[in-house]
Amino acid sequence: MLKSNPNVVVAINDMTGSMAMMRLNWLYPPFDNAAIRRAILGGVDQADFMTAVAGTDQSMWKTGIGVFPPGTSFASDAGMAPLLGKRDYDRVKADLKAAGYNGEKVVVMGASDLSVIKAEADVGADMLTKCGMTVDYQIMDWGTLVLRRAKKDPPDKGGWNVFFTGFGGLDFINPAVHLLLRGNGANAWFGWPDDPKMETLRQDWFAAPDLAAQQKICRDMQTQALHDVLYVPLGQYYQPTAFQKNLSTGMIKAFPIFWNVRRT
């Protein structure tokens, strides 16, 4: 509708986009088991998630997404093999069995009042079911989900196993600000991954002498993040900005801000 108005421009100005993700709870079965976390990567099709979130227009999203936004300094293909290639649910079921999954219930939280997160959760709950997991999909409003995700209680006592959310690409631009690359256990972001190797790599990144050294460390960080599965990247999607044509002069290519905007 906006695109049909000749006086309005609809453009993607923020090319870092939004980064969708699935977070697993490391404290309780089944995702306290690294082999089980790794096994489910074989069932994740980023295109399924992004189509649900942003539709069939592929100019609005990207797949093959790791832990850093594509096109930025630290993006790479390191460690991405588990998320690429054809999805094979029978293989995932076999991998889960070999890893020790015994049918434990998986409490998946979805948000009813945020369409993007609801779409991610719908696809994710279905994906985990196809992988052979016993899924208890619980829908609630986002405020309730935010309160519940902070609880460290067992899933059958009001806790959780899985939830979905997203961050702006700038939030994942480097290890200094990337919350989901922290492996500092009880002090980590919800899900509480305990990954000392990741914490060491993060400190190495801060101490790196130049960009090339930082980039190598970030490749190692992505490989480590996907090996231990600190979280599951689900793709990148874009959110267009609509503005009057006479405001286009000086428009900064970023998330919607009013700096430097002039009317012609």
C-alpha atoms as a PDB file:
ATOM      1  CA  MET A   1       0.000   0.000   0.000  1.00  0.00           C
ATOM      2  CA  LEU A   2       2.782   2.433   0.870  1.00  0.00           C
ATOM      3  CA  LYS A   3       4.744   1.552  -2.259  1.00  0.00           C
ATOM      4  CA  SER A   4       1.738   2.478  -4.381  1.00  0.00           C
ATOM      5  CA  ASN A   5       1.882   6.086  -3.157  1.00  0.00           C
ATOM      6  CA  PRO A   6       4.055   8.125  -5.570  1.00  0.00           C
ATOM      7  CA  ASN A   7       5.009  10.535  -2.792  1.00  0.00           C
ATOM      8  CA  VAL A   8       6.397   7.824  -0.508  1.00  0.00           C
ATOM      9  CA  VAL A   9       9.679   5.908  -0.666  1.00  0.00           C
ATOM     10  CA  VAL A  10       9.832   2.426   0.867  1.00  0.00           C
ATOM     11  CA  ALA A  11      13.446   1.361   1.293  1.00  0.00           C
ATOM     12  CA  ILE A  12      15.648  -0.959   3.311  1.00  0.00           C
ATOM     13  CA  ASN A  13      18.019   1.488   4.954  1.00  0.00           C
ATOM     14  CA  ASP A  14      19.348  -0.775   7.701  1.00  0.00           C
ATOM     15  CA  MET A  15      21.285  -3.520   5.933  1.00  0.00           C
ATOM     16  CA  THR A  16      22.308  -5.123   9.234  1.00  0.00           C
ATOM     17  CA  GLY A  17      18.655  -6.152   9.514  1.00  0.00           C
ATOM     18  CA  SER A  18      17.235  -8.203  12.342  1.00  0.00           C
ATOM     19  CA  MET A  19      18.739 -11.487  13.485  1.00  0.00           C
ATOM     20  CA  ALA A  20      16.313 -14.253  14.462  1.00  0.00           C
ATOM     21  CA  MET A  21      17.362 -16.849  17.004  1.00  0.00           C
ATOM     22  CA  MET A  22      16.304 -19.846  19.058  1.00  0.00           C
ATOM     23  CA  ARG A  23      17.683 -20.013  22.589  1.00  0.00           C
ATOM     24  CA  LEU A  24      18.077 -23.284  24.469  1.00  0.00           C
ATOM     25  CA  ASN A  25      18.186 -23.746  28.235  1.00  0.00           C
ATOM     26  CA  TRP A  26      21.482 -25.391  29.214  1.00  0.00           C
ATOM     27  CA  LEU A  27      20.394 -26.061  32.797  1.00  0.00           C
ATOM     28  CA  TYR A  28      18.008 -28.982  32.250  1.00  0.00           C
ATOM     29  CA  PRO A  29      17.483 -32.013  30.012  1.00  0.00           C
ATOM     30  CA  PRO A  30      17.439 -32.450  27.162  1.00  0.00           C
ATOM     31  CA  PHE A  31      19.509 -29.397  26.186  1.00  0.00           C
ATOM     32  CA  ASP A  32      22.007 -29.717  28.993  1.00  0.00           C
ATOM     33  CA  ASN A  33      23.482 -32.339  26.638  1.00  0.00           C
ATOM     34  CA  ALA A  34      25.738 -30.779  23.978  1.00  0.00           C
ATOM     35  CA  ALA A  35      25.275 -33.720  21.608  1.00  0.00           C
ATOM     36  CA  ILE A  36      21.503 -33.234  21.687  1.00  0.00           C
ATOM     37  CA  ARG A  37      21.907 -29.516  21.036  1.00  0.00           C
ATOM     38  CA  ARG A  38      24.128 -30.300  18.054  1.00  0.00           C
ATOM     39  CA  ALA A  39      21.729 -32.923  16.721  1.00  0.00           C
ATOM     40  CA  ILE A  40      18.807 -30.520  16.316  1.00  0.00           C
ATOM     41  CA  LEU A  41      20.839 -28.228  14.050  1.00  0.00           C
ATOM     42  CA  GLY A  42      20.242 -30.815  11.342  1.00  0.00           C
ATOM     43  CA  GLY A  43      16.514 -30.047  11.449  1.00  0.00           C
ATOM     44  CA  VAL A  44      16.803 -26.261  11.222  1.00  0.00           C
ATOM     45  CA  ASP A  45      15.907 -24.794   7.823  1.00  0.00           C
ATOM     46  CA  GLN A  46      16.470 -21.052   8.043  1.00  0.00           C
ATOM     47  CA  ALA A  47      14.336 -20.490   4.933  1.00  0.00           C
ATOM     48  CA  ASP A  48      11.296 -21.980   6.714  1.00  0.00           C
ATOM     49  CA  PHE A  49      11.714 -19.551   9.581  1.00  0.00           C
ATOM     50  CA  MET A  50      12.326 -16.534   7.372  1.00  0.00           C
ATOM     51  CA  THR A  51       9.392 -17.281   5.074  1.00  0.00           C
ATOM     52  CA  ALA A  52       7.129 -17.454   8.125  1.00  0.00           C
ATOM     53  CA  VAL A  53       8.532 -14.184   9.446  1.00  0.00           C
ATOM     54  CA  ALA A  54       8.831 -12.070   6.291  1.00  0.00           C
ATOM     55  CA  GLY A  55       6.982 -13.832   3.455  1.00  0.00           C
ATOM     56  CA  THR A  56       8.092 -15.312   0.162  1.00  0.00           C
ATOM     57  CA  ASP A  57       9.876 -12.209  -1.169  1.00  0.00           C
ATOM     58  CA  GLN A  58      13.484 -13.297  -0.734  1.00  0.00           C
ATOM     59  CA  SER A  59      14.764  -9.739  -1.057  1.00  0.00           C
ATOM     60  CA  MET A  60      13.420  -9.312   2.485  1.00  0.00           C
ATOM     61  CA  TRP A  61      15.563 -11.976   4.144  1.00  0.00           C
ATOM     62  CA  LYS A  62      18.716 -14.047   3.994  1.00  0.00           C
ATOM     63  CA  THR A  63      19.714 -17.546   5.011  1.00  0.00           C
ATOM     64  CA  GLY A  64      23.138 -19.087   5.572  1.00  0.00           C
ATOM     65  CA  ILE A  65      23.380 -16.813   8.595  1.00  0.00           C
ATOM     66  CA  GLY A  66      25.894 -17.400  11.365  1.00  0.00           C
ATOM     67  CA  VAL A  67      26.439 -15.385  14.524  1.00  0.00           C
ATOM     68  CA  PHE A  68      27.412 -12.073  12.867  1.00  0.00           C
ATOM     69  CA  PRO A  69      25.387 -10.067  10.313  1.00  0.00           C
ATOM     70  CA  PRO A  70      26.378 -10.828   6.709  1.00  0.00           C
ATOM     71  CA  GLY A  71      28.457  -8.181   5.003  1.00  0.00           C
ATOM     72  CA  THR A  72      29.973  -6.942   8.262  1.00  0.00           C
ATOM     73  CA  SER A  73      33.582  -7.229   9.358  1.00  0.00           C
ATOM     74  CA  PHE A  74      33.306 -10.474  11.328  1.00  0.00           C
ATOM     75  CA  ALA A  75      30.812 -12.478   9.271  1.00  0.00           C
ATOM     76  CA  SER A  76      32.160 -15.754   7.862  1.00  0.00           C
ATOM     77  CA  ASP A  77      31.176 -19.279   6.875  1.00  0.00           C
ATOM     78  CA  ALA A  78      33.222 -20.892   9.655  1.00  0.00           C
ATOM     79  CA  GLY A  79      31.494 -23.837  11.305  1.00  0.00           C
ATOM     80  CA  MET A  80      28.314 -23.392   9.255  1.00  0.00           C
ATOM     81  CA  ALA A  81      28.106 -26.922   7.820  1.00  0.00           C
ATOM     82  CA  PRO A  82      25.460 -28.174  10.322  1.00  0.00           C
ATOM     83  CA  LEU A  83      23.044 -25.443   9.188  1.00  0.00           C
ATOM     84  CA  LEU A  84      23.581 -25.927   5.465  1.00  0.00           C
ATOM     85  CA  GLY A  85      22.536 -28.615   3.039  1.00  0.00           C
ATOM     86  CA  LYS A  86      19.402 -30.726   2.861  1.00  0.00           C
ATOM     87  CA  ARG A  87      17.455 -31.255   6.068  1.00  0.00           C
ATOM     88  CA  ASP A  88      17.009 -34.902   7.043  1.00  0.00           C
ATOM     89  CA  TYR A  89      14.645 -35.539   9.971  1.00  0.00           C
ATOM     90  CA  ASP A  90      15.301 -39.275  10.011  1.00  0.00           C
ATOM     91  CA  ARG A  91      18.992 -38.585  10.461  1.00  0.00           C
ATOM     92  CA  VAL A  92      18.220 -36.067  13.212  1.00  0.00           C
ATOM     93  CA  LYS A  93      16.060 -38.633  15.006  1.00  0.00           C
ATOM     94  CA  ALA A  94      18.902 -41.143  14.828  1.00  0.00           C
ATOM     95  CA  ASP A  95      21.407 -38.543  16.044  1.00  0.00           C
ATOM     96  CA  LEU A  96      19.134 -37.623  18.955  1.00  0.00           C
ATOM     97  CA  LYS A  97      18.778 -41.264  19.954  1.00  0.00           C
ATOM     98  CA  ALA A  98      22.545 -41.759  19.764  1.00  0.00           C
ATOM     99  CA  ALA A  99      23.037 -38.632  21.865  1.00  0.00           C
ATOM    100  CA  GLY A 100      20.820 -40.031  24.611  1.00  0.00           C
ATOM    101  CA  TYR A 101      17.494 -38.317  24.039  1.00  0.00           C
ATOM    102  CA  ASN A 102      14.844 -40.379  25.819  1.00  0.00           C
ATOM    103  CA  GLY A 103      11.662 -38.545  24.954  1.00  0.00           C
ATOM    104  CA  GLU A 104      11.979 -35.843  27.603  1.00  0.00           C
ATOM    105  CA  LYS A 105       9.343 -33.159  27.297  1.00  0.00           C
ATOM    106  CA  VAL A 106      10.561 -29.950  25.658  1.00  0.00           C
ATOM    107  CA  VAL A 107       8.747 -26.833  26.864  1.00  0.00           C
ATOM    108  CA  VAL A 108       8.712 -24.340  23.992  1.00  0.00           C
ATOM    109  CA  MET A 109       7.533 -20.803  24.755  1.00  0.00           C
ATOM    110  CA  GLY A 110       5.857 -18.715  22.066  1.00  0.00           C
ATOM    111  CA  ALA A 111       4.554 -15.149  22.211  1.00  0.00           C
ATOM    112  CA  SER A 112       0.969 -14.539  21.103  1.00  0.00           C
ATOM    113  CA  ASP A 113       1.215 -10.767  20.695  1.00  0.00           C
ATOM    114  CA  LEU A 114       4.409 -10.361  18.623  1.00  0.00           C
ATOM    115  CA  SER A 115       3.865 -11.692  15.117  1.00  0.00           C
ATOM    116  CA  VAL A 116       7.542 -12.248  14.259  1.00  0.00           C
ATOM    117  CA  ILE A 117       8.295 -14.205  17.421  1.00  0.00           C
ATOM    118  CA  LYS A 118       5.019 -16.141  17.123  1.00  0.00           C
ATOM    119  CA  ALA A 119       6.007 -17.146  13.568  1.00  0.00           C
ATOM    120  CA  GLU A 120       9.456 -18.276  14.708  1.00  0.00           C
ATOM    121  CA  ALA A 121       7.978 -20.277  17.589  1.00  0.00           C
ATOM    122  CA  ASP A 122       5.335 -21.926  15.377  1.00  0.00           C
ATOM    123  CA  VAL A 123       7.983 -23.113  12.919  1.00  0.00           C
ATOM    124  CA  GLY A 124      10.374 -24.077  15.707  1.00  0.00           C
ATOM    125  CA  ALA A 125       7.832 -26.149  17.643  1.00  0.00           C
ATOM    126  CA  ASP A 126       6.887 -27.948  14.426  1.00  0.00           C
ATOM    127  CA  MET A 127      10.555 -28.515  13.549  1.00  0.00           C
ATOM    128  CA  LEU A 128      11.363 -30.013  16.950  1.00  0.00           C
ATOM    129  CA  THR A 129       8.304 -32.274  16.661  1.00  0.00           C
ATOM    130  CA  LYS A 130       9.473 -33.473  13.235  1.00  0.00           C
ATOM    131  CA  CYS A 131      12.852 -34.198  14.800  1.00  0.00           C
ATOM    132  CA  GLY A 132      11.102 -36.644  17.134  1.00  0.00           C
ATOM    133  CA  MET A 133      11.082 -34.558  20.296  1.00  0.00           C
ATOM    134  CA  THR A 134       8.157 -34.486  22.719  1.00  0.00           C
ATOM    135  CA  VAL A 135       7.113 -30.855  22.416  1.00  0.00           C
ATOM    136  CA  ASP A 136       4.953 -28.969  24.902  1.00  0.00           C
ATOM    137  CA  TYR A 137       4.237 -25.747  22.995  1.00  0.00           C
ATOM    138  CA  GLN A 138       2.987 -23.052  25.359  1.00  0.00           C
ATOM    139  CA  ILE A 139       1.673 -19.733  24.040  1.00  0.00           C
ATOM    140  CA  MET A 140       1.650 -16.658  26.247  1.00  0.00           C
ATOM    141  CA  ASP A 141       1.913 -12.889  25.899  1.00  0.00           C
ATOM    142  CA  TRP A 142       5.400 -11.439  25.530  1.00  0.00           C
ATOM    143  CA  GLY A 143       5.386  -9.878  28.985  1.00  0.00           C
ATOM    144  CA  THR A 144       4.723 -13.243  30.584  1.00  0.00           C
ATOM    145  CA  LEU A 145       7.402 -14.876  28.422  1.00  0.00           C
ATOM    146  CA  VAL A 146       9.969 -12.260  29.464  1.00  0.00           C
ATOM    147  CA  LEU A 147       9.238 -12.925  33.129  1.00  0.00           C
ATOM    148  CA  ARG A 148       9.311 -16.683  32.671  1.00  0.00           C
ATOM    149  CA  ARG A 149      12.531 -16.842  30.659  1.00  0.00           C
ATOM    150  CA  ALA A 150      14.374 -15.376  33.659  1.00  0.00           C
ATOM    151  CA  LYS A 151      13.316 -18.315  35.848  1.00  0.00           C
ATOM    152  CA  LYS A 152      15.856 -21.050  36.484  1.00  0.00           C
ATOM    153  CA  ASP A 153      13.247 -23.498  37.753  1.00  0.00           C
ATOM    154  CA  PRO A 154      12.888 -26.893  36.042  1.00  0.00           C
ATOM    155  CA  PRO A 155      10.607 -26.802  32.979  1.00  0.00           C
ATOM    156  CA  ASP A 156       7.895 -28.804  34.775  1.00  0.00           C
ATOM    157  CA  LYS A 157       8.005 -26.329  37.667  1.00  0.00           C
ATOM    158  CA  GLY A 158       7.420 -23.150  35.666  1.00  0.00           C
ATOM    159  CA  GLY A 159      10.712 -22.994  33.789  1.00  0.00           C
ATOM    160  CA  TRP A 160      11.354 -23.616  30.108  1.00  0.00           C
ATOM    161  CA  ASN A 161      13.529 -25.333  27.499  1.00  0.00           C
ATOM    162  CA  VAL A 162      13.283 -23.154  24.380  1.00  0.00           C
ATOM    163  CA  PHE A 163      12.213 -19.669  23.390  1.00  0.00           C
ATOM    164  CA  PHE A 164      12.594 -17.470  20.319  1.00  0.00           C
ATOM    165  CA  THR A 165      13.421 -13.821  19.848  1.00  0.00           C
ATOM    166  CA  GLY A 166      15.398 -11.461  17.658  1.00  0.00           C
ATOM    167  CA  PHE A 167      18.015  -8.748  17.894  1.00  0.00           C
ATOM    168  CA  GLY A 168      18.958  -5.876  15.640  1.00  0.00           C
ATOM    169  CA  GLY A 169      21.990  -6.680  13.517  1.00  0.00           C
ATOM    170  CA  LEU A 170      23.956  -3.970  15.292  1.00  0.00           C
ATOM    171  CA  ASP A 171      23.482  -5.915  18.538  1.00  0.00           C
ATOM    172  CA  PHE A 172      25.501  -8.746  16.964  1.00  0.00           C
ATOM    173  CA  ILE A 173      28.081  -6.594  15.201  1.00  0.00           C
ATOM    174  CA  ASN A 174      31.061  -7.742  17.295  1.00  0.00           C
ATOM    175  CA  PRO A 175      31.874  -9.863  20.370  1.00  0.00           C
ATOM    176  CA  ALA A 176      31.924  -6.841  22.688  1.00  0.00           C
ATOM    177  CA  VAL A 177      28.161  -6.340  22.378  1.00  0.00           C
ATOM    178  CA  HIS A 178      26.977  -9.806  21.301  1.00  0.00           C
ATOM    179  CA  LEU A 179      25.071 -11.069  24.365  1.00  0.00           C
ATOM    180  CA  LEU A 180      24.446 -14.504  22.922  1.00  0.00           C
ATOM    181  CA  LEU A 181      28.150 -15.221  22.514  1.00  0.00           C
ATOM    182  CA  ARG A 182      28.718 -15.089  26.256  1.00  0.00           C
ATOM    183  CA  GLY A 183      29.437 -18.422  27.924  1.00  0.00           C
ATOM    184  CA  ASN A 184      29.699 -17.172  31.487  1.00  0.00           C
ATOM    185  CA  GLY A 185      27.253 -19.628  33.036  1.00  0.00           C
ATOM    186  CA  ALA A 186      24.983 -18.239  35.739  1.00  0.00           C
ATOM    187  CA  ASN A 187      25.814 -14.690  34.635  1.00  0.00           C
ATOM    188  CA  ALA A 188      25.073 -15.333  30.953  1.00  0.00           C
ATOM    189  CA  TRP A 189      21.947 -14.218  29.141  1.00  0.00           C
ATOM    190  CA  PHE A 190      18.811 -16.373  29.608  1.00  0.00           C
ATOM    191  CA  GLY A 191      19.709 -19.963  28.790  1.00  0.00           C
ATOM    192  CA  TRP A 192      22.869 -19.675  30.884  1.00  0.00           C
ATOM    193  CA  PRO A 193      25.460 -21.427  28.683  1.00  0.00           C
ATOM    194  CA  ASP A 194      28.644 -22.348  30.524  1.00  0.00           C
ATOM    195  CA  ASP A 195      31.372 -22.271  27.876  1.00  0.00           C
ATOM    196  CA  PRO A 196      34.827 -21.310  29.195  1.00  0.00           C
ATOM    197  CA  LYS A 197      36.408 -21.694  25.748  1.00  0.00           C
ATOM    198  CA  MET A 198      34.060 -19.048  24.351  1.00  0.00           C
ATOM    199  CA  GLU A 199      34.885 -16.712  27.205  1.00  0.00           C
ATOM    200  CA  THR A 200      38.609 -17.164  26.499  1.00  0.00           C
ATOM    201  CA  LEU A 201      38.092 -16.408  22.808  1.00  0.00           C
ATOM    202  CA  ARG A 202      36.176 -13.263  23.737  1.00  0.00           C
ATOM    203  CA  GLN A 203      39.059 -12.025  25.873  1.00  0.00           C
ATOM    204  CA  ASP A 204      41.463 -12.880  23.058  1.00  0.00           C
ATOM    205  CA  TRP A 205      39.369 -10.737  20.719  1.00  0.00           C
ATOM    206  CA  PHE A 206      39.694  -7.729  23.026  1.00  0.00           C
ATOM    207  CA  ALA A 207      43.460  -8.242  23.159  1.00  0.00           C
ATOM    208  CA  ALA A 208      43.889  -8.789  19.400  1.00  0.00           C
ATOM    209  CA  PRO A 209      46.342  -6.336  17.812  1.00  0.00           C
ATOM    210  CA  ASP A 210      44.495  -5.675  14.547  1.00  0.00           C
ATOM    211  CA  LEU A 211      41.410  -6.396  12.444  1.00  0.00           C
ATOM    212  CA  ALA A 212      42.896  -9.488  10.804  1.00  0.00           C
ATOM    213  CA  ALA A 213      43.577 -11.073  14.179  1.00  0.00           C
ATOM    214  CA  GLN A 214      40.078 -10.171  15.365  1.00  0.00           C
ATOM    215  CA  GLN A 215      38.552 -11.722  12.254  1.00  0.00           C
ATOM    216  CA  LYS A 216      40.359 -14.997  12.831  1.00  0.00           C
ATOM    217  CA  ILE A 217      39.168 -15.102  16.415  1.00  0.00           C
ATOM    218  CA  CYS A 218      35.614 -14.401  15.283  1.00  0.00           C
ATOM    219  CA  ARG A 219      35.814 -17.367  12.923  1.00  0.00           C
ATOM    220  CA  ASP A 220      36.851 -19.481  15.890  1.00  0.00           C
ATOM    221  CA  MET A 221      34.048 -17.993  17.977  1.00  0.00           C
ATOM    222  CA  GLN A 222      31.421 -18.852  15.372  1.00  0.00           C
ATOM    223  CA  THR A 223      32.775 -22.396  15.068  1.00  0.00           C
ATOM    224  CA  GLN A 224      32.690 -22.759  18.851  1.00  0.00           C
ATOM    225  CA  ALA A 225      29.213 -21.222  19.140  1.00  0.00           C
ATOM    226  CA  LEU A 226      27.780 -23.691  16.627  1.00  0.00           C
ATOM    227  CA  HIS A 227      29.695 -26.640  18.043  1.00  0.00           C
ATOM    228  CA  ASP A 228      28.435 -26.122  21.579  1.00  0.00           C
ATOM    229  CA  VAL A 229      25.222 -24.448  20.313  1.00  0.00           C
ATOM    230  CA  LEU A 230      25.081 -21.355  22.472  1.00  0.00           C
ATOM    231  CA  TYR A 231      22.027 -20.519  20.386  1.00  0.00           C
ATOM    232  CA  VAL A 232      20.602 -21.370  16.965  1.00  0.00           C
ATOM    233  CA  PRO A 233      20.741 -18.638  14.266  1.00  0.00           C
ATOM    234  CA  LEU A 234      17.492 -18.688  12.272  1.00  0.00           C
ATOM    235  CA  GLY A 235      18.268 -16.121   9.570  1.00  0.00           C
ATOM    236  CA  GLN A 236      18.288 -12.389   8.935  1.00  0.00           C
ATOM    237  CA  TYR A 237      15.276 -10.327   7.866  1.00  0.00           C
ATOM    238  CA  TYR A 238      14.891  -6.695   6.874  1.00  0.00           C
ATOM    239  CA  GLN A 239      12.412  -4.091   8.000  1.00  0.00           C
ATOM    240  CA  PRO A 240      11.726  -1.394   5.395  1.00  0.00           C
ATOM    241  CA  THR A 241      11.444   2.270   6.281  1.00  0.00           C
ATOM    242  CA  ALA A 242       8.761   4.405   4.639  1.00  0.00           C
ATOM    243  CA  PHE A 243       9.289   8.156   4.252  1.00  0.00           C
ATOM    244  CA  GLN A 244       8.104  11.041   2.101  1.00  0.00           C
ATOM    245  CA  LYS A 245      10.110  11.581  -1.058  1.00  0.00           C
ATOM    246  CA  ASN A 246      10.904  15.144  -0.108  1.00  0.00           C
ATOM    247  CA  LEU A 247      12.712  13.902   3.013  1.00  0.00           C
ATOM    248  CA  SER A 248      15.119  11.645   1.189  1.00  0.00           C
ATOM    249  CA  THR A 249      18.017  14.087   0.965  1.00  0.00           C
ATOM    250  CA  GLY A 250      20.666  13.222   3.534  1.00  0.00           C
ATOM    251  CA  MET A 251      18.870  10.088   4.739  1.00  0.00           C
ATOM    252  CA  ILE A 252      21.402   8.019   6.684  1.00  0.00           C
ATOM    253  CA  LYS A 253      21.584   4.326   5.815  1.00  0.00           C
ATOM    254  CA  ALA A 254      20.791   2.924   9.252  1.00  0.00           C
ATOM    255  CA  PHE A 255      17.862   2.102  11.504  1.00  0.00           C
ATOM    256  CA  PRO A 256      15.228   4.888  11.420  1.00  0.00           C
ATOM    257  CA  ILE A 257      16.793   8.064  12.793  1.00  0.00           C
ATOM    258  CA  PHE A 258      16.172  11.722  11.989  1.00  0.00           C
ATOM    259  CA  TRP A 259      19.760  12.913  11.876  1.00  0.00           C
ATOM    260  CA  ASN A 260      20.816  14.746   8.746  1.00  0.00           C
ATOM    261  CA  VAL A 261      17.352  14.591   7.139  1.00  0.00           C
ATOM    262  CA  ARG A 262      16.529  17.530   4.917  1.00  0.00           C
ATOM    263  CA  ARG A 263      13.392  18.385   3.008  1.00  0.00           C
ATOM    264  CA  THR A 264      13.842  19.164  -0.685  1.00  0.00           C
END
